[in-house]
Amino acid sequence: MNYTIKQKKILNTLGENIKLARLRRKLSLRSLAERAGIAISTMTNIEAGSPSVSLGNYLQVLTVLKLEDDLLLIADKDPVGRQIQDAGLVVKKRAPKKKETSSVIKHVIDKGDSEMPEFK
């Protein structure tokens, strides 16, 4: 698969960030790979930003580094998607309020405020 220059830069930056996180924690490449349950070559590919490494392997490494929650930030805000969604939303007009209608029973029941009928 062919990747754009921008995509390659993103993966390279991700790999560099993972490497820096590893170095800050003073973990060797071998140690991190073992803790993540992956081969050292896979760990090397992750730090190089290789697109052939599965997302699951990235997740394993990020979990060892206690950075797995960072994956939840991907596509979280999605401003373009929200604009598309908002543009397609149909704003419904408010339904007219229903007029209160008197029921037939209401007219029959005497509440005590009606006039007394006159009998002849």
N, C-alpha and C. Protein backbone atom coordinates (compact mmCIF):
# COMPACT_ATOMS: atom_id res chain seq x y z
N MET A 1 0.84 -1.18 0.00
CA MET A 1 0.00 0.00 0.00
C MET A 1 0.89 1.24 0.00
N ASN A 2 0.47 2.24 -0.72
CA ASN A 2 1.23 3.50 -0.78
C ASN A 2 0.68 4.48 0.24
N TYR A 3 1.57 5.11 0.95
CA TYR A 3 1.19 6.10 1.95
C TYR A 3 1.67 7.47 1.51
N THR A 4 0.90 8.49 1.86
CA THR A 4 1.30 9.85 1.51
C THR A 4 2.44 10.28 2.42
N ILE A 5 3.08 11.34 2.03
CA ILE A 5 4.18 11.89 2.85
C ILE A 5 3.64 12.29 4.22
N LYS A 6 2.46 12.88 4.23
CA LYS A 6 1.86 13.30 5.51
C LYS A 6 1.61 12.09 6.41
N GLN A 7 1.06 11.01 5.84
CA GLN A 7 0.80 9.81 6.62
C GLN A 7 2.09 9.21 7.18
N LYS A 8 3.14 9.21 6.36
CA LYS A 8 4.43 8.69 6.82
C LYS A 8 4.98 9.53 7.97
N LYS A 9 4.82 10.85 7.87
CA LYS A 9 5.30 11.74 8.93
C LYS A 9 4.53 11.49 10.23
N ILE A 10 3.22 11.25 10.11
CA ILE A 10 2.41 10.99 11.30
C ILE A 10 2.88 9.72 11.98
N LEU A 11 3.09 8.67 11.20
CA LEU A 11 3.57 7.41 11.78
C LEU A 11 4.97 7.55 12.38
N ASN A 12 5.83 8.30 11.69
CA ASN A 12 7.19 8.53 12.23
C ASN A 12 7.13 9.28 13.55
N THR A 13 6.26 10.29 13.62
CA THR A 13 6.12 11.06 14.86
C THR A 13 5.58 10.17 15.98
N LEU A 14 4.61 9.32 15.65
CA LEU A 14 4.07 8.39 16.64
C LEU A 14 5.18 7.48 17.16
N GLY A 15 5.97 6.94 16.26
CA GLY A 15 7.09 6.07 16.66
C GLY A 15 8.09 6.80 17.54
N GLU A 16 8.42 8.03 17.16
CA GLU A 16 9.36 8.83 17.95
C GLU A 16 8.79 9.11 19.34
N ASN A 17 7.50 9.42 19.41
CA ASN A 17 6.87 9.69 20.71
C ASN A 17 6.90 8.46 21.61
N ILE A 18 6.66 7.29 21.03
CA ILE A 18 6.71 6.05 21.80
C ILE A 18 8.14 5.80 22.28
N LYS A 19 9.11 6.04 21.41
CA LYS A 19 10.51 5.85 21.80
C LYS A 19 10.89 6.80 22.94
N LEU A 20 10.48 8.06 22.84
CA LEU A 20 10.78 9.02 23.90
C LEU A 20 10.12 8.61 25.22
N ALA A 21 8.89 8.10 25.15
CA ALA A 21 8.21 7.64 26.37
C ALA A 21 8.96 6.46 26.98
N ARG A 22 9.47 5.57 26.13
CA ARG A 22 10.26 4.43 26.61
C ARG A 22 11.54 4.92 27.29
N LEU A 23 12.24 5.85 26.66
CA LEU A 23 13.51 6.36 27.20
C LEU A 23 13.29 7.12 28.50
N ARG A 24 12.18 7.87 28.60
CA ARG A 24 11.89 8.60 29.84
C ARG A 24 11.70 7.63 31.00
N ARG A 25 11.17 6.45 30.70
CA ARG A 25 10.94 5.44 31.73
C ARG A 25 12.17 4.55 31.95
N LYS A 26 13.23 4.86 31.20
CA LYS A 26 14.49 4.13 31.29
C LYS A 26 14.31 2.63 31.03
N LEU A 27 13.49 2.34 30.02
CA LEU A 27 13.27 0.95 29.60
C LEU A 27 14.08 0.67 28.35
N SER A 28 14.68 -0.50 28.30
CA SER A 28 15.39 -0.89 27.07
C SER A 28 14.37 -1.37 26.05
N LEU A 29 14.79 -1.41 24.82
CA LEU A 29 13.95 -1.90 23.73
C LEU A 29 13.51 -3.34 24.02
N ARG A 30 14.46 -4.14 24.46
CA ARG A 30 14.18 -5.56 24.78
C ARG A 30 13.18 -5.67 25.92
N SER A 31 13.37 -4.88 26.96
CA SER A 31 12.50 -4.93 28.12
C SER A 31 11.06 -4.56 27.76
N LEU A 32 10.90 -3.50 27.01
CA LEU A 32 9.56 -3.07 26.61
C LEU A 32 8.90 -4.10 25.71
N ALA A 33 9.66 -4.66 24.78
CA ALA A 33 9.12 -5.68 23.89
C ALA A 33 8.66 -6.90 24.69
N GLU A 34 9.46 -7.33 25.65
CA GLU A 34 9.10 -8.48 26.47
C GLU A 34 7.85 -8.21 27.28
N ARG A 35 7.77 -7.05 27.89
CA ARG A 35 6.60 -6.69 28.70
C ARG A 35 5.34 -6.59 27.84
N ALA A 36 5.50 -6.14 26.61
CA ALA A 36 4.36 -6.01 25.70
C ALA A 36 4.01 -7.33 25.03
N GLY A 37 4.90 -8.31 25.14
CA GLY A 37 4.64 -9.61 24.53
C GLY A 37 4.81 -9.61 23.03
N ILE A 38 5.74 -8.79 22.54
CA ILE A 38 5.98 -8.71 21.09
C ILE A 38 7.47 -8.93 20.83
N ALA A 39 7.79 -9.20 19.58
CA ALA A 39 9.19 -9.40 19.19
C ALA A 39 9.94 -8.07 19.21
N ILE A 40 11.24 -8.16 19.42
CA ILE A 40 12.08 -6.95 19.41
C ILE A 40 12.00 -6.27 18.03
N SER A 41 11.94 -7.06 16.98
CA SER A 41 11.84 -6.48 15.64
C SER A 41 10.54 -5.69 15.47
N THR A 42 9.46 -6.18 16.07
CA THR A 42 8.19 -5.44 16.02
C THR A 42 8.32 -4.14 16.79
N MET A 43 8.98 -4.20 17.92
CA MET A 43 9.19 -2.99 18.72
C MET A 43 10.03 -1.98 17.95
N THR A 44 11.03 -2.45 17.24
CA THR A 44 11.86 -1.58 16.40
C THR A 44 11.01 -0.94 15.31
N ASN A 45 10.13 -1.74 14.70
CA ASN A 45 9.25 -1.21 13.65
C ASN A 45 8.27 -0.17 14.19
N ILE A 46 7.78 -0.38 15.41
CA ILE A 46 6.88 0.60 16.03
C ILE A 46 7.60 1.93 16.21
N GLU A 47 8.81 1.88 16.75
CA GLU A 47 9.55 3.12 16.98
C GLU A 47 9.99 3.78 15.68
N ALA A 48 10.04 3.00 14.61
CA ALA A 48 10.38 3.56 13.29
C ALA A 48 9.14 4.10 12.58
N GLY A 49 7.96 3.82 13.15
CA GLY A 49 6.73 4.29 12.54
C GLY A 49 6.31 3.47 11.34
N SER A 50 6.59 2.19 11.37
CA SER A 50 6.25 1.31 10.27
C SER A 50 4.73 1.12 10.18
N PRO A 51 4.16 1.30 8.98
CA PRO A 51 2.72 1.11 8.83
C PRO A 51 2.30 -0.36 8.83
N SER A 52 3.25 -1.29 8.79
CA SER A 52 2.92 -2.71 8.75
C SER A 52 2.61 -3.29 10.13
N VAL A 53 2.86 -2.54 11.19
CA VAL A 53 2.61 -3.02 12.54
C VAL A 53 1.12 -2.84 12.87
N SER A 54 0.54 -3.87 13.46
CA SER A 54 -0.90 -3.81 13.77
C SER A 54 -1.18 -2.84 14.91
N LEU A 55 -2.39 -2.34 14.90
CA LEU A 55 -2.83 -1.44 15.96
C LEU A 55 -2.79 -2.15 17.31
N GLY A 56 -3.06 -3.45 17.30
CA GLY A 56 -3.01 -4.22 18.54
C GLY A 56 -1.63 -4.21 19.17
N ASN A 57 -0.59 -4.25 18.34
CA ASN A 57 0.77 -4.18 18.88
C ASN A 57 1.06 -2.81 19.46
N TYR A 58 0.59 -1.77 18.78
CA TYR A 58 0.74 -0.42 19.33
C TYR A 58 0.04 -0.34 20.69
N LEU A 59 -1.16 -0.93 20.77
CA LEU A 59 -1.91 -0.91 22.02
C LEU A 59 -1.15 -1.63 23.13
N GLN A 60 -0.54 -2.76 22.81
CA GLN A 60 0.24 -3.50 23.81
C GLN A 60 1.37 -2.63 24.37
N VAL A 61 2.07 -1.95 23.49
CA VAL A 61 3.19 -1.10 23.90
C VAL A 61 2.69 0.08 24.71
N LEU A 62 1.62 0.72 24.24
CA LEU A 62 1.08 1.87 24.97
C LEU A 62 0.55 1.47 26.34
N THR A 63 0.04 0.26 26.46
CA THR A 63 -0.44 -0.23 27.76
C THR A 63 0.72 -0.38 28.74
N VAL A 64 1.81 -0.94 28.28
CA VAL A 64 2.99 -1.08 29.15
C VAL A 64 3.48 0.30 29.59
N LEU A 65 3.40 1.27 28.68
CA LEU A 65 3.85 2.63 29.00
C LEU A 65 2.79 3.43 29.76
N LYS A 66 1.65 2.81 30.02
CA LYS A 66 0.51 3.47 30.71
C LYS A 66 -0.01 4.65 29.90
N LEU A 67 -0.01 4.51 28.59
CA LEU A 67 -0.49 5.57 27.69
C LEU A 67 -1.66 5.10 26.82
N GLU A 68 -2.24 3.95 27.16
CA GLU A 68 -3.29 3.39 26.31
C GLU A 68 -4.52 4.28 26.17
N ASP A 69 -4.80 5.11 27.17
CA ASP A 69 -5.96 6.00 27.08
C ASP A 69 -5.79 7.06 25.98
N ASP A 70 -4.55 7.28 25.55
CA ASP A 70 -4.32 8.22 24.45
C ASP A 70 -5.02 7.78 23.18
N LEU A 71 -5.22 6.49 23.01
CA LEU A 71 -5.92 5.99 21.82
C LEU A 71 -7.38 6.46 21.79
N LEU A 72 -7.94 6.72 22.97
CA LEU A 72 -9.32 7.18 23.03
C LEU A 72 -9.49 8.59 22.50
N LEU A 73 -8.39 9.31 22.36
CA LEU A 73 -8.45 10.68 21.85
C LEU A 73 -8.56 10.73 20.33
N ILE A 74 -8.27 9.61 19.68
CA ILE A 74 -8.33 9.57 18.22
C ILE A 74 -9.77 9.74 17.78
N ALA A 75 -10.01 10.68 16.91
CA ALA A 75 -11.33 10.99 16.35
C ALA A 75 -12.35 11.42 17.39
N ASP A 76 -11.87 11.84 18.55
CA ASP A 76 -12.79 12.25 19.62
C ASP A 76 -13.51 13.55 19.28
N LYS A 77 -12.79 14.53 18.81
CA LYS A 77 -13.39 15.83 18.53
C LYS A 77 -14.07 15.86 17.16
N ASP A 78 -13.40 15.38 16.13
CA ASP A 78 -13.93 15.24 14.79
C ASP A 78 -14.71 16.48 14.30
N PRO A 79 -14.03 17.64 14.18
CA PRO A 79 -14.74 18.86 13.78
C PRO A 79 -15.35 18.76 12.38
N VAL A 80 -14.68 18.10 11.45
CA VAL A 80 -15.23 17.98 10.09
C VAL A 80 -16.49 17.13 10.11
N GLY A 81 -16.44 16.02 10.81
CA GLY A 81 -17.61 15.14 10.90
C GLY A 81 -18.79 15.83 11.55
N ARG A 82 -18.50 16.63 12.56
CA ARG A 82 -19.59 17.36 13.23
C ARG A 82 -20.20 18.41 12.32
N GLN A 83 -19.37 19.07 11.50
CA GLN A 83 -19.91 20.04 10.54
C GLN A 83 -20.80 19.36 9.52
N ILE A 84 -20.36 18.20 9.05
CA ILE A 84 -21.17 17.45 8.09
C ILE A 84 -22.48 17.02 8.73
N GLN A 85 -22.39 16.55 9.96
CA GLN A 85 -23.58 16.12 10.67
C GLN A 85 -24.54 17.29 10.87
N ASP A 86 -24.01 18.42 11.33
CA ASP A 86 -24.86 19.58 11.57
C ASP A 86 -25.50 20.10 10.30
N ALA A 87 -24.78 20.04 9.19
CA ALA A 87 -25.33 20.52 7.92
C ALA A 87 -26.48 19.63 7.45
N GLY A 88 -26.44 18.37 7.81
CA GLY A 88 -27.47 17.45 7.36
C GLY A 88 -28.65 17.34 8.30
N LEU A 89 -28.55 17.97 9.45
CA LEU A 89 -29.65 17.87 10.41
C LEU A 89 -30.83 18.71 9.95
N VAL A 90 -31.99 18.14 10.04
CA VAL A 90 -33.20 18.86 9.69
C VAL A 90 -33.81 19.34 11.00
N VAL A 91 -33.98 20.64 11.08
CA VAL A 91 -34.57 21.21 12.27
C VAL A 91 -36.08 21.13 12.11
N LYS A 92 -36.68 20.37 12.98
CA LYS A 92 -38.13 20.20 12.90
C LYS A 92 -38.81 21.42 13.46
N LYS A 93 -39.89 21.81 12.78
CA LYS A 93 -40.70 22.90 13.32
C LYS A 93 -41.48 22.35 14.49
N ARG A 94 -41.68 23.19 15.43
CA ARG A 94 -42.42 22.76 16.61
C ARG A 94 -43.87 22.54 16.24
N ALA A 95 -44.39 21.47 16.71
CA ALA A 95 -45.80 21.17 16.44
C ALA A 95 -46.66 22.19 17.18
N PRO A 96 -47.77 22.56 16.58
CA PRO A 96 -48.64 23.52 17.26
C PRO A 96 -49.19 22.91 18.55
N LYS A 97 -49.38 23.78 19.51
CA LYS A 97 -49.92 23.30 20.77
C LYS A 97 -51.36 22.86 20.55
N LYS A 98 -51.71 21.80 21.21
CA LYS A 98 -53.08 21.30 21.09
C LYS A 98 -53.98 22.19 21.95
N LYS A 99 -55.12 22.51 21.37
CA LYS A 99 -56.09 23.28 22.15
C LYS A 99 -56.77 22.32 23.09
N GLU A 100 -56.99 22.81 24.29
CA GLU A 100 -57.66 21.95 25.25
C GLU A 100 -59.13 21.89 24.88
N THR A 101 -59.57 20.71 24.63
CA THR A 101 -60.98 20.52 24.27
C THR A 101 -61.71 19.99 25.48
N SER A 102 -62.88 20.47 25.63
CA SER A 102 -63.71 19.99 26.74
C SER A 102 -64.29 18.65 26.35
N SER A 103 -64.26 17.77 27.26
CA SER A 103 -64.83 16.46 26.97
C SER A 103 -66.34 16.51 27.15
N VAL A 104 -67.00 15.55 26.60
CA VAL A 104 -68.46 15.46 26.72
C VAL A 104 -68.84 15.29 28.17
N ILE A 105 -68.07 14.53 28.91
CA ILE A 105 -68.38 14.28 30.32
C ILE A 105 -68.25 15.55 31.13
N LYS A 106 -67.32 16.39 30.80
CA LYS A 106 -67.10 17.63 31.54
C LYS A 106 -68.34 18.52 31.50
N HIS A 107 -69.05 18.50 30.39
CA HIS A 107 -70.26 19.31 30.27
C HIS A 107 -71.41 18.73 31.07
N VAL A 108 -71.40 17.44 31.25
CA VAL A 108 -72.51 16.78 31.93
C VAL A 108 -72.39 16.91 33.44
N ILE A 109 -71.16 16.91 33.94
CA ILE A 109 -70.97 16.95 35.38
C ILE A 109 -71.19 18.36 35.89
N ASP A 110 -72.03 18.47 36.91
CA ASP A 110 -72.32 19.76 37.52
C ASP A 110 -71.32 20.00 38.63
N LYS A 111 -70.57 21.07 38.51
CA LYS A 111 -69.57 21.39 39.52
C LYS A 111 -70.16 22.26 40.64
N GLY A 112 -71.40 22.53 40.54
CA GLY A 112 -72.05 23.33 41.57
C GLY A 112 -72.05 24.80 41.26
N ASP A 113 -71.57 25.20 40.12
CA ASP A 113 -71.55 26.61 39.78
C ASP A 113 -72.54 26.96 38.66
N SER A 114 -73.35 25.98 38.29
CA SER A 114 -74.35 26.27 37.24
C SER A 114 -75.63 26.79 37.87
N GLU A 115 -76.43 27.47 37.06
CA GLU A 115 -77.68 28.01 37.55
C GLU A 115 -78.65 26.87 37.77
N MET A 116 -79.54 27.07 38.70
CA MET A 116 -80.54 26.08 38.97
C MET A 116 -81.55 26.10 37.85
N PRO A 117 -81.91 24.95 37.34
CA PRO A 117 -82.90 24.94 36.28
C PRO A 117 -84.28 25.30 36.84
N GLU A 118 -85.06 25.94 36.04
CA GLU A 118 -86.42 26.29 36.43
C GLU A 118 -87.37 25.24 35.89
N PHE A 119 -88.25 24.77 36.75
CA PHE A 119 -89.24 23.81 36.32
C PHE A 119 -90.59 24.48 36.27
N LYS A 120 -91.35 24.20 35.29
CA LYS A 120 -92.69 24.81 35.18
C LYS A 120 -93.74 23.79 35.28
